[in-house]
């Protein structure tokens, strides 16, 4: 038998609110009660990776302005290590 995550009183109150809201629209409303939502790892990882790329681009321009050059393979390895460390956090 499935357990109810909400009490019967809450269920009745929510059902009544849905009926009232549905009476004002042509749409149909579904209530979904979840124990937990997604952790949203991918958007967070995307933003962290994007920030890391922006910072590394700024650092590379700064080093170039100071007449310090980094060979491309070393720069790519540094970016990959930075991305790995960002994703581990």
N, C-alpha and C. Protein backbone atom coordinates (compact mmCIF):
# COMPACT_ATOMS: atom_id res chain seq x y z
N UNK A 1 0.84 -1.17 0.00
CA UNK A 1 0.00 0.00 0.00
C UNK A 1 0.89 1.24 0.00
N UNK A 2 0.52 2.21 -0.80
CA UNK A 2 1.30 3.45 -0.90
C UNK A 2 1.01 4.34 0.30
N UNK A 3 2.03 5.01 0.75
CA UNK A 3 1.85 5.95 1.85
C UNK A 3 1.50 7.32 1.30
N UNK A 4 0.77 8.07 2.07
CA UNK A 4 0.39 9.43 1.65
C UNK A 4 1.36 10.41 2.28
N UNK A 5 2.00 11.22 1.46
CA UNK A 5 2.94 12.20 2.00
C UNK A 5 2.26 13.39 2.67
N UNK A 6 0.96 13.54 2.48
CA UNK A 6 0.23 14.64 3.11
C UNK A 6 -0.96 14.08 3.86
N UNK A 7 -1.44 14.84 4.81
CA UNK A 7 -2.58 14.38 5.61
C UNK A 7 -3.87 14.47 4.80
N UNK A 8 -4.90 13.74 5.21
CA UNK A 8 -6.19 13.83 4.49
C UNK A 8 -6.79 15.24 4.51
N UNK A 9 -6.58 15.96 5.60
CA UNK A 9 -7.09 17.34 5.66
C UNK A 9 -6.38 18.23 4.64
N UNK A 10 -5.07 18.05 4.54
CA UNK A 10 -4.32 18.82 3.54
C UNK A 10 -4.75 18.44 2.13
N UNK A 11 -5.00 17.15 1.92
CA UNK A 11 -5.44 16.69 0.61
C UNK A 11 -6.77 17.34 0.23
N UNK A 12 -7.70 17.38 1.16
CA UNK A 12 -9.00 18.01 0.90
C UNK A 12 -8.86 19.50 0.63
N UNK A 13 -8.00 20.16 1.41
CA UNK A 13 -7.79 21.60 1.23
C UNK A 13 -7.17 21.90 -0.14
N UNK A 14 -6.21 21.09 -0.54
CA UNK A 14 -5.56 21.29 -1.84
C UNK A 14 -6.54 20.99 -2.97
N UNK A 15 -7.32 19.91 -2.82
CA UNK A 15 -8.30 19.56 -3.85
C UNK A 15 -9.33 20.67 -4.02
N UNK A 16 -9.76 21.26 -2.92
CA UNK A 16 -10.73 22.36 -3.00
C UNK A 16 -10.11 23.57 -3.70
N UNK A 17 -8.87 23.89 -3.37
CA UNK A 17 -8.19 25.02 -4.01
C UNK A 17 -8.02 24.78 -5.51
N UNK A 18 -7.74 23.54 -5.88
CA UNK A 18 -7.59 23.21 -7.30
C UNK A 18 -8.93 23.35 -8.01
N UNK A 19 -10.00 22.87 -7.39
CA UNK A 19 -11.33 23.00 -8.01
C UNK A 19 -11.70 24.46 -8.21
N UNK A 20 -11.40 25.30 -7.22
CA UNK A 20 -11.70 26.73 -7.34
C UNK A 20 -10.88 27.35 -8.48
N UNK A 21 -9.61 27.00 -8.54
CA UNK A 21 -8.76 27.56 -9.60
C UNK A 21 -9.18 27.05 -10.97
N UNK A 22 -9.58 25.79 -11.06
CA UNK A 22 -10.00 25.23 -12.34
C UNK A 22 -11.32 25.83 -12.81
N UNK A 23 -12.14 26.29 -11.88
CA UNK A 23 -13.41 26.89 -12.29
C UNK A 23 -13.21 28.24 -12.99
N UNK A 24 -12.03 28.83 -12.81
CA UNK A 24 -11.74 30.14 -13.41
C UNK A 24 -10.94 30.03 -14.70
N UNK A 25 -10.69 28.81 -15.15
CA UNK A 25 -9.88 28.63 -16.35
C UNK A 25 -10.38 27.44 -17.15
N UNK A 26 -9.95 27.35 -18.39
CA UNK A 26 -10.28 26.19 -19.21
C UNK A 26 -9.27 25.06 -19.02
N UNK A 27 -8.18 25.37 -18.35
CA UNK A 27 -7.12 24.38 -18.16
C UNK A 27 -7.44 23.40 -17.04
N UNK A 28 -6.59 22.41 -16.96
CA UNK A 28 -6.72 21.41 -15.90
C UNK A 28 -5.45 21.46 -15.06
N UNK A 29 -5.59 21.44 -13.76
CA UNK A 29 -4.46 21.58 -12.85
C UNK A 29 -4.20 20.24 -12.18
N UNK A 30 -2.93 19.84 -12.18
CA UNK A 30 -2.51 18.63 -11.50
C UNK A 30 -1.57 19.01 -10.37
N UNK A 31 -1.78 18.43 -9.24
CA UNK A 31 -0.91 18.67 -8.09
C UNK A 31 0.03 17.47 -7.95
N UNK A 32 1.31 17.76 -7.91
CA UNK A 32 2.31 16.71 -7.75
C UNK A 32 3.06 16.98 -6.46
N UNK A 33 3.06 16.02 -5.57
CA UNK A 33 3.78 16.15 -4.31
C UNK A 33 4.99 15.22 -4.37
N UNK A 34 6.16 15.80 -4.29
CA UNK A 34 7.40 15.03 -4.38
C UNK A 34 8.16 15.12 -3.06
N UNK A 35 8.84 14.06 -2.73
CA UNK A 35 9.65 14.07 -1.51
C UNK A 35 10.85 15.00 -1.65
N UNK A 36 11.43 15.05 -2.85
CA UNK A 36 12.59 15.91 -3.08
C UNK A 36 12.63 16.26 -4.57
N UNK A 37 13.17 17.42 -4.85
CA UNK A 37 13.33 17.80 -6.25
C UNK A 37 14.75 17.46 -6.69
N UNK A 38 15.02 17.72 -7.94
CA UNK A 38 16.33 17.42 -8.50
C UNK A 38 17.39 18.30 -7.85
N UNK A 39 18.61 17.82 -7.84
CA UNK A 39 19.71 18.58 -7.27
C UNK A 39 20.27 19.63 -8.21
N UNK A 40 19.87 19.60 -9.48
CA UNK A 40 20.30 20.56 -10.49
C UNK A 40 21.82 20.63 -10.62
N UNK A 41 22.45 19.45 -10.77
CA UNK A 41 23.90 19.40 -10.92
C UNK A 41 24.34 20.02 -12.23
N UNK A 42 23.66 19.71 -13.32
CA UNK A 42 24.12 20.16 -14.64
C UNK A 42 24.08 21.68 -14.80
N UNK A 43 23.03 22.38 -14.39
CA UNK A 43 23.11 23.85 -14.49
C UNK A 43 24.22 24.44 -13.62
N UNK A 44 24.41 23.88 -12.44
CA UNK A 44 25.47 24.38 -11.57
C UNK A 44 26.84 24.09 -12.18
N UNK A 45 27.01 22.90 -12.74
CA UNK A 45 28.28 22.56 -13.37
C UNK A 45 28.53 23.44 -14.59
N UNK A 46 27.48 23.73 -15.35
CA UNK A 46 27.63 24.60 -16.52
C UNK A 46 28.08 25.99 -16.10
N UNK A 47 27.44 26.54 -15.09
CA UNK A 47 27.81 27.89 -14.64
C UNK A 47 29.23 27.92 -14.07
N UNK A 48 29.61 26.89 -13.33
CA UNK A 48 30.97 26.84 -12.79
C UNK A 48 31.99 26.72 -13.91
N UNK A 49 31.69 25.91 -14.91
CA UNK A 49 32.60 25.76 -16.04
C UNK A 49 32.70 27.05 -16.83
N UNK A 50 31.58 27.70 -17.04
CA UNK A 50 31.58 28.97 -17.76
C UNK A 50 32.40 30.02 -17.00
N UNK A 51 32.23 30.09 -15.70
CA UNK A 51 33.00 31.04 -14.89
C UNK A 51 34.49 30.72 -14.96
N UNK A 52 34.83 29.43 -14.92
CA UNK A 52 36.23 29.04 -15.00
C UNK A 52 36.83 29.44 -16.34
N UNK A 53 36.07 29.28 -17.42
CA UNK A 53 36.57 29.66 -18.74
C UNK A 53 36.76 31.17 -18.86
N UNK A 54 35.84 31.93 -18.29
CA UNK A 54 35.97 33.40 -18.34
C UNK A 54 37.19 33.85 -17.55
N UNK A 55 37.38 33.27 -16.37
CA UNK A 55 38.54 33.64 -15.55
C UNK A 55 39.84 33.24 -16.25
N UNK A 56 39.87 32.05 -16.85
CA UNK A 56 41.10 31.63 -17.53
C UNK A 56 41.39 32.50 -18.75
N UNK A 57 40.34 32.96 -19.42
CA UNK A 57 40.55 33.87 -20.54
C UNK A 57 41.13 35.20 -20.06
N UNK A 58 40.62 35.70 -18.95
CA UNK A 58 41.14 36.95 -18.39
C UNK A 58 42.60 36.77 -17.95
N UNK A 59 42.91 35.64 -17.35
CA UNK A 59 44.29 35.38 -16.92
C UNK A 59 45.21 35.28 -18.13
N UNK A 60 44.75 34.63 -19.18
CA UNK A 60 45.61 34.50 -20.37
C UNK A 60 45.87 35.85 -21.02
N UNK A 61 44.85 36.72 -21.07
CA UNK A 61 45.07 38.06 -21.60
C UNK A 61 46.00 38.86 -20.69
N UNK A 62 45.87 38.69 -19.40
CA UNK A 62 46.77 39.37 -18.47
C UNK A 62 48.21 38.92 -18.63
N UNK A 63 48.40 37.62 -18.77
CA UNK A 63 49.76 37.12 -18.97
C UNK A 63 50.34 37.60 -20.30
N UNK A 64 49.51 37.66 -21.31
CA UNK A 64 49.97 38.16 -22.61
C UNK A 64 50.35 39.64 -22.51
N UNK A 65 49.61 40.41 -21.74
CA UNK A 65 49.91 41.83 -21.57
C UNK A 65 51.23 42.02 -20.83
N UNK A 66 51.59 41.07 -19.97
CA UNK A 66 52.86 41.15 -19.23
C UNK A 66 53.99 40.46 -19.99
N UNK A 67 53.76 40.15 -21.25
CA UNK A 67 54.75 39.53 -22.13
C UNK A 67 55.17 38.14 -21.65
N UNK A 68 54.26 37.48 -20.97
CA UNK A 68 54.49 36.09 -20.59
C UNK A 68 53.64 35.22 -21.48
N UNK A 69 54.24 34.25 -22.06
CA UNK A 69 53.46 33.40 -22.96
C UNK A 69 53.38 31.99 -22.39
N UNK A 70 52.24 31.39 -22.61
CA UNK A 70 52.01 30.01 -22.20
C UNK A 70 51.75 29.22 -23.47
N UNK A 71 52.44 28.13 -23.61
CA UNK A 71 52.22 27.29 -24.79
C UNK A 71 50.81 26.70 -24.73
N UNK A 72 50.21 26.51 -25.87
CA UNK A 72 48.83 26.05 -25.96
C UNK A 72 48.60 24.72 -25.23
N UNK A 73 49.46 23.71 -25.38
CA UNK A 73 49.20 22.47 -24.63
C UNK A 73 49.18 22.67 -23.12
N UNK A 74 50.06 23.54 -22.63
CA UNK A 74 50.07 23.80 -21.19
C UNK A 74 48.80 24.54 -20.75
N UNK A 75 48.35 25.45 -21.60
CA UNK A 75 47.13 26.20 -21.28
C UNK A 75 45.92 25.27 -21.27
N UNK A 76 45.85 24.37 -22.24
CA UNK A 76 44.73 23.43 -22.29
C UNK A 76 44.76 22.50 -21.09
N UNK A 77 45.93 22.02 -20.73
CA UNK A 77 46.04 21.15 -19.55
C UNK A 77 45.63 21.90 -18.29
N UNK A 78 46.04 23.16 -18.18
CA UNK A 78 45.65 23.97 -17.02
C UNK A 78 44.14 24.16 -16.97
N UNK A 79 43.52 24.38 -18.13
CA UNK A 79 42.07 24.53 -18.16
C UNK A 79 41.37 23.22 -17.78
N UNK A 80 41.86 22.11 -18.28
CA UNK A 80 41.25 20.82 -17.95
C UNK A 80 41.37 20.52 -16.46
N UNK A 81 42.52 20.83 -15.88
CA UNK A 81 42.69 20.63 -14.44
C UNK A 81 41.79 21.56 -13.64
N UNK A 82 41.66 22.80 -14.10
CA UNK A 82 40.77 23.74 -13.41
C UNK A 82 39.32 23.27 -13.50
N UNK A 83 38.91 22.78 -14.67
CA UNK A 83 37.54 22.31 -14.83
C UNK A 83 37.29 21.08 -13.96
N UNK A 84 38.25 20.19 -13.90
CA UNK A 84 38.09 19.00 -13.05
C UNK A 84 37.97 19.40 -11.58
N UNK A 85 38.78 20.36 -11.16
CA UNK A 85 38.70 20.79 -9.75
C UNK A 85 37.39 21.52 -9.46
N UNK A 86 36.88 22.27 -10.42
CA UNK A 86 35.59 22.95 -10.23
C UNK A 86 34.46 21.93 -10.12
N UNK A 87 34.49 20.91 -10.96
CA UNK A 87 33.41 19.92 -10.94
C UNK A 87 33.48 19.02 -9.71
N UNK A 88 34.66 18.86 -9.14
CA UNK A 88 34.78 18.04 -7.93
C UNK A 88 34.15 18.77 -6.74
N UNK A 89 34.25 20.09 -6.75
CA UNK A 89 33.66 20.86 -5.65
C UNK A 89 32.18 20.68 -5.67
